[in-house]
Amino acid sequence: RLGADLAVGRATTKHLYDRLKAAQT
């Protein structure tokens, strides 16, 4: 829920927030 907001301004780690959101297990 908070990941998108935390990723703002973090271009070098945004993909990690996306990875968390996409994780299935």
mmCIF file of all heavy atoms, coordinates in Angstrom:
data_MODEL
# 
_entry.id   MODEL 
# 
loop_
_atom_site.group_PDB 
_atom_site.id 
_atom_site.type_symbol 
_atom_site.label_atom_id 
_atom_site.label_alt_id 
_atom_site.label_comp_id 
_atom_site.label_asym_id 
_atom_site.label_entity_id 
_atom_site.label_seq_id 
_atom_site.pdbx_PDB_ins_code 
_atom_site.Cartn_x 
_atom_site.Cartn_y 
_atom_site.Cartn_z 
_atom_site.occupancy 
_atom_site.B_iso_or_equiv 
_atom_site.pdbx_formal_charge 
_atom_site.auth_seq_id 
_atom_site.auth_comp_id 
_atom_site.auth_asym_id 
_atom_site.auth_atom_id 
_atom_site.pdbx_PDB_model_num 
ATOM 1   N N   . ARG A 1 1  ? 0.828  -1.204  0.000   1.00 0.00 ? 1  ARG A N   1 
ATOM 2   C CA  . ARG A 1 1  ? 0.000  0.000   0.000   1.00 0.00 ? 1  ARG A CA  1 
ATOM 3   C C   . ARG A 1 1  ? 0.868  1.262   0.000   1.00 0.00 ? 1  ARG A C   1 
ATOM 4   O O   . ARG A 1 1  ? 0.558  2.245   -0.659  1.00 0.00 ? 1  ARG A O   1 
ATOM 5   C CB  . ARG A 1 1  ? -0.937 -0.015  1.210   1.00 0.00 ? 1  ARG A CB  1 
ATOM 6   C CG  . ARG A 1 1  ? -2.085 0.947   1.133   1.00 0.00 ? 1  ARG A CG  1 
ATOM 7   C CD  . ARG A 1 1  ? -3.111 0.760   2.239   1.00 0.00 ? 1  ARG A CD  1 
ATOM 8   N NE  . ARG A 1 1  ? -2.552 1.006   3.567   1.00 0.00 ? 1  ARG A NE  1 
ATOM 9   C CZ  . ARG A 1 1  ? -2.347 0.067   4.499   1.00 0.00 ? 1  ARG A CZ  1 
ATOM 10  N NH1 . ARG A 1 1  ? -2.658 -1.188  4.271   1.00 0.00 ? 1  ARG A NH1 1 
ATOM 11  N NH2 . ARG A 1 1  ? -1.840 0.375   5.672   1.00 0.00 ? 1  ARG A NH2 1 
ATOM 12  N N   . LEU A 1 2  ? 1.990  1.233   0.728   1.00 0.00 ? 2  LEU A N   1 
ATOM 13  C CA  . LEU A 1 2  ? 2.851  2.411   0.856   1.00 0.00 ? 2  LEU A CA  1 
ATOM 14  C C   . LEU A 1 2  ? 3.986  2.439   -0.162  1.00 0.00 ? 2  LEU A C   1 
ATOM 15  O O   . LEU A 1 2  ? 4.642  3.461   -0.333  1.00 0.00 ? 2  LEU A O   1 
ATOM 16  C CB  . LEU A 1 2  ? 3.449  2.458   2.272   1.00 0.00 ? 2  LEU A CB  1 
ATOM 17  C CG  . LEU A 1 2  ? 2.462  2.573   3.420   1.00 0.00 ? 2  LEU A CG  1 
ATOM 18  C CD1 . LEU A 1 2  ? 3.198  2.492   4.755   1.00 0.00 ? 2  LEU A CD1 1 
ATOM 19  C CD2 . LEU A 1 2  ? 1.670  3.856   3.321   1.00 0.00 ? 2  LEU A CD2 1 
ATOM 20  N N   . GLY A 1 3  ? 4.223  1.311   -0.819  1.00 0.00 ? 3  GLY A N   1 
ATOM 21  C CA  . GLY A 1 3  ? 5.371  1.184   -1.713  1.00 0.00 ? 3  GLY A CA  1 
ATOM 22  C C   . GLY A 1 3  ? 5.457  2.234   -2.798  1.00 0.00 ? 3  GLY A C   1 
ATOM 23  O O   . GLY A 1 3  ? 6.528  2.784   -3.057  1.00 0.00 ? 3  GLY A O   1 
ATOM 24  N N   . ALA A 1 4  ? 4.350  2.519   -3.441  1.00 0.00 ? 4  ALA A N   1 
ATOM 25  C CA  . ALA A 1 4  ? 4.376  3.513   -4.522  1.00 0.00 ? 4  ALA A CA  1 
ATOM 26  C C   . ALA A 1 4  ? 4.801  4.881   -3.997  1.00 0.00 ? 4  ALA A C   1 
ATOM 27  O O   . ALA A 1 4  ? 5.597  5.582   -4.637  1.00 0.00 ? 4  ALA A O   1 
ATOM 28  C CB  . ALA A 1 4  ? 3.009  3.602   -5.192  1.00 0.00 ? 4  ALA A CB  1 
ATOM 29  N N   . ASP A 1 5  ? 4.307  5.258   -2.821  1.00 0.00 ? 5  ASP A N   1 
ATOM 30  C CA  . ASP A 1 5  ? 4.695  6.541   -2.238  1.00 0.00 ? 5  ASP A CA  1 
ATOM 31  C C   . ASP A 1 5  ? 6.166  6.541   -1.819  1.00 0.00 ? 5  ASP A C   1 
ATOM 32  O O   . ASP A 1 5  ? 6.868  7.534   -2.005  1.00 0.00 ? 5  ASP A O   1 
ATOM 33  C CB  . ASP A 1 5  ? 3.822  6.874   -1.025  1.00 0.00 ? 5  ASP A CB  1 
ATOM 34  C CG  . ASP A 1 5  ? 2.387  7.221   -1.422  1.00 0.00 ? 5  ASP A CG  1 
ATOM 35  O OD1 . ASP A 1 5  ? 2.176  7.635   -2.578  1.00 0.00 ? 5  ASP A OD1 1 
ATOM 36  O OD2 . ASP A 1 5  ? 1.495  7.074   -0.574  1.00 0.00 ? 5  ASP A OD2 1 
ATOM 37  N N   . LEU A 1 6  ? 6.623  5.437   -1.249  1.00 0.00 ? 6  LEU A N   1 
ATOM 38  C CA  . LEU A 1 6  ? 8.030  5.356   -0.832  1.00 0.00 ? 6  LEU A CA  1 
ATOM 39  C C   . LEU A 1 6  ? 8.973  5.361   -2.025  1.00 0.00 ? 6  LEU A C   1 
ATOM 40  O O   . LEU A 1 6  ? 10.101 5.837   -1.931  1.00 0.00 ? 6  LEU A O   1 
ATOM 41  C CB  . LEU A 1 6  ? 8.270  4.097   0.001   1.00 0.00 ? 6  LEU A CB  1 
ATOM 42  C CG  . LEU A 1 6  ? 7.747  4.140   1.419   1.00 0.00 ? 6  LEU A CG  1 
ATOM 43  C CD1 . LEU A 1 6  ? 7.876  2.769   2.072   1.00 0.00 ? 6  LEU A CD1 1 
ATOM 44  C CD2 . LEU A 1 6  ? 8.488  5.178   2.235   1.00 0.00 ? 6  LEU A CD2 1 
ATOM 45  N N   . ALA A 1 7  ? 8.536  4.848   -3.154  1.00 0.00 ? 7  ALA A N   1 
ATOM 46  C CA  . ALA A 1 7  ? 9.379  4.783   -4.347  1.00 0.00 ? 7  ALA A CA  1 
ATOM 47  C C   . ALA A 1 7  ? 9.543  6.130   -5.037  1.00 0.00 ? 7  ALA A C   1 
ATOM 48  O O   . ALA A 1 7  ? 10.483 6.307   -5.821  1.00 0.00 ? 7  ALA A O   1 
ATOM 49  C CB  . ALA A 1 7  ? 8.805  3.757   -5.325  1.00 0.00 ? 7  ALA A CB  1 
ATOM 50  N N   . VAL A 1 8  ? 8.680  7.094   -4.732  1.00 0.00 ? 8  VAL A N   1 
ATOM 51  C CA  . VAL A 1 8  ? 8.767  8.408   -5.370  1.00 0.00 ? 8  VAL A CA  1 
ATOM 52  C C   . VAL A 1 8  ? 10.123 9.036   -5.048  1.00 0.00 ? 8  VAL A C   1 
ATOM 53  O O   . VAL A 1 8  ? 10.541 9.094   -3.893  1.00 0.00 ? 8  VAL A O   1 
ATOM 54  C CB  . VAL A 1 8  ? 7.619  9.335   -4.897  1.00 0.00 ? 8  VAL A CB  1 
ATOM 55  C CG1 . VAL A 1 8  ? 7.833  10.767  -5.380  1.00 0.00 ? 8  VAL A CG1 1 
ATOM 56  C CG2 . VAL A 1 8  ? 6.287  8.798   -5.373  1.00 0.00 ? 8  VAL A CG2 1 
ATOM 57  N N   . GLY A 1 9  ? 10.801 9.463   -6.084  1.00 0.00 ? 9  GLY A N   1 
ATOM 58  C CA  . GLY A 1 9  ? 12.100 10.097  -5.910  1.00 0.00 ? 9  GLY A CA  1 
ATOM 59  C C   . GLY A 1 9  ? 13.242 9.124   -5.717  1.00 0.00 ? 9  GLY A C   1 
ATOM 60  O O   . GLY A 1 9  ? 14.369 9.525   -5.463  1.00 0.00 ? 9  GLY A O   1 
ATOM 61  N N   . ARG A 1 10 ? 12.983 7.852   -5.814  1.00 0.00 ? 10 ARG A N   1 
ATOM 62  C CA  . ARG A 1 10 ? 14.019 6.828   -5.621  1.00 0.00 ? 10 ARG A CA  1 
ATOM 63  C C   . ARG A 1 10 ? 14.200 6.062   -6.935  1.00 0.00 ? 10 ARG A C   1 
ATOM 64  O O   . ARG A 1 10 ? 13.908 4.875   -7.022  1.00 0.00 ? 10 ARG A O   1 
ATOM 65  C CB  . ARG A 1 10 ? 13.618 5.866   -4.507  1.00 0.00 ? 10 ARG A CB  1 
ATOM 66  C CG  . ARG A 1 10 ? 13.457 6.522   -3.155  1.00 0.00 ? 10 ARG A CG  1 
ATOM 67  C CD  . ARG A 1 10 ? 12.978 5.487   -2.130  1.00 0.00 ? 10 ARG A CD  1 
ATOM 68  N NE  . ARG A 1 10 ? 12.611 6.095   -0.888  1.00 0.00 ? 10 ARG A NE  1 
ATOM 69  C CZ  . ARG A 1 10 ? 13.443 6.345   0.109   1.00 0.00 ? 10 ARG A CZ  1 
ATOM 70  N NH1 . ARG A 1 10 ? 14.714 6.033   0.006   1.00 0.00 ? 10 ARG A NH1 1 
ATOM 71  N NH2 . ARG A 1 10 ? 13.024 6.899   1.213   1.00 0.00 ? 10 ARG A NH2 1 
ATOM 72  N N   . ALA A 1 11 ? 14.718 6.742   -7.919  1.00 0.00 ? 11 ALA A N   1 
ATOM 73  C CA  . ALA A 1 11 ? 14.845 6.142   -9.246  1.00 0.00 ? 11 ALA A CA  1 
ATOM 74  C C   . ALA A 1 11 ? 15.713 4.887   -9.236  1.00 0.00 ? 11 ALA A C   1 
ATOM 75  O O   . ALA A 1 11 ? 15.439 3.930   -9.967  1.00 0.00 ? 11 ALA A O   1 
ATOM 76  C CB  . ALA A 1 11 ? 15.415 7.165   -10.226 1.00 0.00 ? 11 ALA A CB  1 
ATOM 77  N N   . THR A 1 12 ? 16.738 4.866   -8.400  1.00 0.00 ? 12 THR A N   1 
ATOM 78  C CA  . THR A 1 12 ? 17.654 3.711   -8.406  1.00 0.00 ? 12 THR A CA  1 
ATOM 79  C C   . THR A 1 12 ? 17.095 2.485   -7.707  1.00 0.00 ? 12 THR A C   1 
ATOM 80  O O   . THR A 1 12 ? 17.622 1.392   -7.874  1.00 0.00 ? 12 THR A O   1 
ATOM 81  C CB  . THR A 1 12 ? 19.009 4.070   -7.775  1.00 0.00 ? 12 THR A CB  1 
ATOM 82  O OG1 . THR A 1 12 ? 18.792 4.481   -6.421  1.00 0.00 ? 12 THR A OG1 1 
ATOM 83  C CG2 . THR A 1 12 ? 19.701 5.182   -8.553  1.00 0.00 ? 12 THR A CG2 1 
ATOM 84  N N   . THR A 1 13 ? 16.045 2.662   -6.919  1.00 0.00 ? 13 THR A N   1 
ATOM 85  C CA  . THR A 1 13 ? 15.474 1.505   -6.209  1.00 0.00 ? 13 THR A CA  1 
ATOM 86  C C   . THR A 1 13 ? 13.997 1.269   -6.528  1.00 0.00 ? 13 THR A C   1 
ATOM 87  O O   . THR A 1 13 ? 13.399 0.358   -5.971  1.00 0.00 ? 13 THR A O   1 
ATOM 88  C CB  . THR A 1 13 ? 15.640 1.650   -4.684  1.00 0.00 ? 13 THR A CB  1 
ATOM 89  O OG1 . THR A 1 13 ? 15.073 2.888   -4.261  1.00 0.00 ? 13 THR A OG1 1 
ATOM 90  C CG2 . THR A 1 13 ? 17.101 1.576   -4.270  1.00 0.00 ? 13 THR A CG2 1 
ATOM 91  N N   . LYS A 1 14 ? 13.415 2.048   -7.415  1.00 0.00 ? 14 LYS A N   1 
ATOM 92  C CA  . LYS A 1 14 ? 11.998 1.874   -7.748  1.00 0.00 ? 14 LYS A CA  1 
ATOM 93  C C   . LYS A 1 14 ? 11.701 0.443   -8.195  1.00 0.00 ? 14 LYS A C   1 
ATOM 94  O O   . LYS A 1 14 ? 10.680 -0.141  -7.826  1.00 0.00 ? 14 LYS A O   1 
ATOM 95  C CB  . LYS A 1 14 ? 11.561 2.856   -8.824  1.00 0.00 ? 14 LYS A CB  1 
ATOM 96  C CG  . LYS A 1 14 ? 10.074 2.731   -9.137  1.00 0.00 ? 14 LYS A CG  1 
ATOM 97  C CD  . LYS A 1 14 ? 9.638  3.602   -10.279 1.00 0.00 ? 14 LYS A CD  1 
ATOM 98  C CE  . LYS A 1 14 ? 8.182  3.449   -10.607 1.00 0.00 ? 14 LYS A CE  1 
ATOM 99  N NZ  . LYS A 1 14 ? 7.705  2.090   -10.783 1.00 0.00 ? 14 LYS A NZ  1 
ATOM 100 N N   . HIS A 1 15 ? 12.609 -0.145  -8.949  1.00 0.00 ? 15 HIS A N   1 
ATOM 101 C CA  . HIS A 1 15 ? 12.397 -1.514  -9.427  1.00 0.00 ? 15 HIS A CA  1 
ATOM 102 C C   . HIS A 1 15 ? 12.281 -2.516  -8.275  1.00 0.00 ? 15 HIS A C   1 
ATOM 103 O O   . HIS A 1 15 ? 11.625 -3.541  -8.404  1.00 0.00 ? 15 HIS A O   1 
ATOM 104 C CB  . HIS A 1 15 ? 13.525 -1.933  -10.386 1.00 0.00 ? 15 HIS A CB  1 
ATOM 105 C CG  . HIS A 1 15 ? 14.852 -2.074  -9.738  1.00 0.00 ? 15 HIS A CG  1 
ATOM 106 N ND1 . HIS A 1 15 ? 15.619 -0.992  -9.348  1.00 0.00 ? 15 HIS A ND1 1 
ATOM 107 C CD2 . HIS A 1 15 ? 15.548 -3.175  -9.387  1.00 0.00 ? 15 HIS A CD2 1 
ATOM 108 C CE1 . HIS A 1 15 ? 16.730 -1.420  -8.788  1.00 0.00 ? 15 HIS A CE1 1 
ATOM 109 N NE2 . HIS A 1 15 ? 16.717 -2.744  -8.798  1.00 0.00 ? 15 HIS A NE2 1 
ATOM 110 N N   . LEU A 1 16 ? 12.876 -2.199  -7.129  1.00 0.00 ? 16 LEU A N   1 
ATOM 111 C CA  . LEU A 1 16 ? 12.770 -3.096  -5.975  1.00 0.00 ? 16 LEU A CA  1 
ATOM 112 C C   . LEU A 1 16 ? 11.375 -3.030  -5.361  1.00 0.00 ? 16 LEU A C   1 
ATOM 113 O O   . LEU A 1 16 ? 10.843 -4.048  -4.902  1.00 0.00 ? 16 LEU A O   1 
ATOM 114 C CB  . LEU A 1 16 ? 13.840 -2.769  -4.938  1.00 0.00 ? 16 LEU A CB  1 
ATOM 115 C CG  . LEU A 1 16 ? 15.280 -2.953  -5.413  1.00 0.00 ? 16 LEU A CG  1 
ATOM 116 C CD1 . LEU A 1 16 ? 16.254 -2.463  -4.355  1.00 0.00 ? 16 LEU A CD1 1 
ATOM 117 C CD2 . LEU A 1 16 ? 15.551 -4.404  -5.793  1.00 0.00 ? 16 LEU A CD2 1 
ATOM 118 N N   . TYR A 1 17 ? 10.780 -1.848  -5.351  1.00 0.00 ? 17 TYR A N   1 
ATOM 119 C CA  . TYR A 1 17 ? 9.397  -1.706  -4.877  1.00 0.00 ? 17 TYR A CA  1 
ATOM 120 C C   . TYR A 1 17 ? 8.446  -2.430  -5.826  1.00 0.00 ? 17 TYR A C   1 
ATOM 121 O O   . TYR A 1 17 ? 7.495  -3.073  -5.391  1.00 0.00 ? 17 TYR A O   1 
ATOM 122 C CB  . TYR A 1 17 ? 9.018  -0.230  -4.736  1.00 0.00 ? 17 TYR A CB  1 
ATOM 123 C CG  . TYR A 1 17 ? 9.782  0.470   -3.651  1.00 0.00 ? 17 TYR A CG  1 
ATOM 124 C CD1 . TYR A 1 17 ? 10.985 1.112   -3.929  1.00 0.00 ? 17 TYR A CD1 1 
ATOM 125 C CD2 . TYR A 1 17 ? 9.314  0.471   -2.344  1.00 0.00 ? 17 TYR A CD2 1 
ATOM 126 C CE1 . TYR A 1 17 ? 11.701 1.749   -2.927  1.00 0.00 ? 17 TYR A CE1 1 
ATOM 127 C CE2 . TYR A 1 17 ? 10.029 1.106   -1.331  1.00 0.00 ? 17 TYR A CE2 1 
ATOM 128 C CZ  . TYR A 1 17 ? 11.223 1.738   -1.631  1.00 0.00 ? 17 TYR A CZ  1 
ATOM 129 O OH  . TYR A 1 17 ? 11.929 2.354   -0.642  1.00 0.00 ? 17 TYR A OH  1 
ATOM 130 N N   . ASP A 1 18 ? 8.738  -2.322  -7.124  1.00 0.00 ? 18 ASP A N   1 
ATOM 131 C CA  . ASP A 1 18 ? 7.939  -3.056  -8.117  1.00 0.00 ? 18 ASP A CA  1 
ATOM 132 C C   . ASP A 1 18 ? 8.087  -4.559  -7.912  1.00 0.00 ? 18 ASP A C   1 
ATOM 133 O O   . ASP A 1 18 ? 7.121  -5.313  -8.044  1.00 0.00 ? 18 ASP A O   1 
ATOM 134 C CB  . ASP A 1 18 ? 8.363  -2.674  -9.539  1.00 0.00 ? 18 ASP A CB  1 
ATOM 135 C CG  . ASP A 1 18 ? 8.062  -1.222  -9.878  1.00 0.00 ? 18 ASP A CG  1 
ATOM 136 O OD1 . ASP A 1 18 ? 7.220  -0.606  -9.184  1.00 0.00 ? 18 ASP A OD1 1 
ATOM 137 O OD2 . ASP A 1 18 ? 8.688  -0.706  -10.821 1.00 0.00 ? 18 ASP A OD2 1 
ATOM 138 N N   . ARG A 1 19 ? 9.296  -4.984  -7.578  1.00 0.00 ? 19 ARG A N   1 
ATOM 139 C CA  . ARG A 1 19 ? 9.555  -6.404  -7.332  1.00 0.00 ? 19 ARG A CA  1 
ATOM 140 C C   . ARG A 1 19 ? 8.744  -6.886  -6.130  1.00 0.00 ? 19 ARG A C   1 
ATOM 141 O O   . ARG A 1 19 ? 8.151  -7.974  -6.164  1.00 0.00 ? 19 ARG A O   1 
ATOM 142 C CB  . ARG A 1 19 ? 11.055 -6.603  -7.095  1.00 0.00 ? 19 ARG A CB  1 
ATOM 143 C CG  . ARG A 1 19 ? 11.470 -8.024  -6.842  1.00 0.00 ? 19 ARG A CG  1 
ATOM 144 C CD  . ARG A 1 19 ? 12.978 -8.104  -6.624  1.00 0.00 ? 19 ARG A CD  1 
ATOM 145 N NE  . ARG A 1 19 ? 13.403 -9.460  -6.408  1.00 0.00 ? 19 ARG A NE  1 
ATOM 146 C CZ  . ARG A 1 19 ? 14.568 -9.944  -6.822  1.00 0.00 ? 19 ARG A CZ  1 
ATOM 147 N NH1 . ARG A 1 19 ? 15.426 -9.183  -7.455  1.00 0.00 ? 19 ARG A NH1 1 
ATOM 148 N NH2 . ARG A 1 19 ? 14.875 -11.189 -6.571  1.00 0.00 ? 19 ARG A NH2 1 
ATOM 149 N N   . LEU A 1 20 ? 8.701  -6.083  -5.092  1.00 0.00 ? 20 LEU A N   1 
ATOM 150 C CA  . LEU A 1 20 ? 7.918  -6.442  -3.908  1.00 0.00 ? 20 LEU A CA  1 
ATOM 151 C C   . LEU A 1 20 ? 6.439  -6.573  -4.261  1.00 0.00 ? 20 LEU A C   1 
ATOM 152 O O   . LEU A 1 20 ? 5.789  -7.550  -3.891  1.00 0.00 ? 20 LEU A O   1 
ATOM 153 C CB  . LEU A 1 20 ? 8.103  -5.404  -2.804  1.00 0.00 ? 20 LEU A CB  1 
ATOM 154 C CG  . LEU A 1 20 ? 7.265  -5.599  -1.546  1.00 0.00 ? 20 LEU A CG  1 
ATOM 155 C CD1 . LEU A 1 20 ? 7.669  -6.876  -0.811  1.00 0.00 ? 20 LEU A CD1 1 
ATOM 156 C CD2 . LEU A 1 20 ? 7.392  -4.404  -0.622  1.00 0.00 ? 20 LEU A CD2 1 
ATOM 157 N N   . LYS A 1 21 ? 5.923  -5.606  -4.987  1.00 0.00 ? 21 LYS A N   1 
ATOM 158 C CA  . LYS A 1 21 ? 4.509  -5.628  -5.344  1.00 0.00 ? 21 LYS A CA  1 
ATOM 159 C C   . LYS A 1 21 ? 4.169  -6.828  -6.228  1.00 0.00 ? 21 LYS A C   1 
ATOM 160 O O   . LYS A 1 21 ? 3.102  -7.430  -6.103  1.00 0.00 ? 21 LYS A O   1 
ATOM 161 C CB  . LYS A 1 21 ? 4.124  -4.336  -6.051  1.00 0.00 ? 21 LYS A CB  1 
ATOM 162 C CG  . LYS A 1 21 ? 2.651  -4.190  -6.255  1.00 0.00 ? 21 LYS A CG  1 
ATOM 163 C CD  . LYS A 1 21 ? 2.287  -2.816  -6.748  1.00 0.00 ? 21 LYS A CD  1 
ATOM 164 C CE  . LYS A 1 21 ? 0.775  -2.706  -6.816  1.00 0.00 ? 21 LYS A CE  1 
ATOM 165 N NZ  . LYS A 1 21 ? 0.338  -1.362  -7.118  1.00 0.00 ? 21 LYS A NZ  1 
ATOM 166 N N   . ALA A 1 22 ? 5.085  -7.211  -7.112  1.00 0.00 ? 22 ALA A N   1 
ATOM 167 C CA  . ALA A 1 22 ? 4.844  -8.313  -8.042  1.00 0.00 ? 22 ALA A CA  1 
ATOM 168 C C   . ALA A 1 22 ? 5.087  -9.694  -7.428  1.00 0.00 ? 22 ALA A C   1 
ATOM 169 O O   . ALA A 1 22 ? 4.637  -10.701 -7.972  1.00 0.00 ? 22 ALA A O   1 
ATOM 170 C CB  . ALA A 1 22 ? 5.733  -8.158  -9.273  1.00 0.00 ? 22 ALA A CB  1 
ATOM 171 N N   . ALA A 1 23 ? 5.758  -9.740  -6.288  1.00 0.00 ? 23 ALA A N   1 
ATOM 172 C CA  . ALA A 1 23 ? 6.092  -11.032 -5.668  1.00 0.00 ? 23 ALA A CA  1 
ATOM 173 C C   . ALA A 1 23 ? 4.824  -11.806 -5.326  1.00 0.00 ? 23 ALA A C   1 
ATOM 174 O O   . ALA A 1 23 ? 3.876  -11.254 -4.772  1.00 0.00 ? 23 ALA A O   1 
ATOM 175 C CB  . ALA A 1 23 ? 6.930  -10.810 -4.418  1.00 0.00 ? 23 ALA A CB  1 
ATOM 176 N N   . GLN A 1 24 ? 4.839  -13.093 -5.643  1.00 0.00 ? 24 GLN A N   1 
ATOM 177 C CA  . GLN A 1 24 ? 3.650  -13.925 -5.467  1.00 0.00 ? 24 GLN A CA  1 
ATOM 178 C C   . GLN A 1 24 ? 3.659  -14.754 -4.181  1.00 0.00 ? 24 GLN A C   1 
ATOM 179 O O   . GLN A 1 24 ? 2.615  -15.195 -3.735  1.00 0.00 ? 24 GLN A O   1 
ATOM 180 C CB  . GLN A 1 24 ? 3.497  -14.869 -6.663  1.00 0.00 ? 24 GLN A CB  1 
ATOM 181 C CG  . GLN A 1 24 ? 3.263  -14.137 -7.980  1.00 0.00 ? 24 GLN A CG  1 
ATOM 182 C CD  . GLN A 1 24 ? 1.961  -13.358 -7.975  1.00 0.00 ? 24 GLN A CD  1 
ATOM 183 O OE1 . GLN A 1 24 ? 0.916  -13.899 -7.651  1.00 0.00 ? 24 GLN A OE1 1 
ATOM 184 N NE2 . GLN A 1 24 ? 2.030  -12.079 -8.317  1.00 0.00 ? 24 GLN A NE2 1 
ATOM 185 N N   . THR A 1 25 ? 4.824  -14.983 -3.609  1.00 0.00 ? 25 THR A N   1 
ATOM 186 C CA  . THR A 1 25 ? 4.898  -15.809 -2.401  1.00 0.00 ? 25 THR A CA  1 
ATOM 187 C C   . THR A 1 25 ? 5.448  -14.979 -1.239  1.00 0.00 ? 25 THR A C   1 
ATOM 188 O O   . THR A 1 25 ? 6.106  -13.947 -1.458  1.00 0.00 ? 25 THR A O   1 
ATOM 189 C CB  . THR A 1 25 ? 5.825  -17.018 -2.617  1.00 0.00 ? 25 THR A CB  1 
ATOM 190 O OG1 . THR A 1 25 ? 7.166  -16.546 -2.804  1.00 0.00 ? 25 THR A OG1 1 
ATOM 191 C CG2 . THR A 1 25 ? 5.377  -17.850 -3.817  1.00 0.00 ? 25 THR A CG2 1 
# 
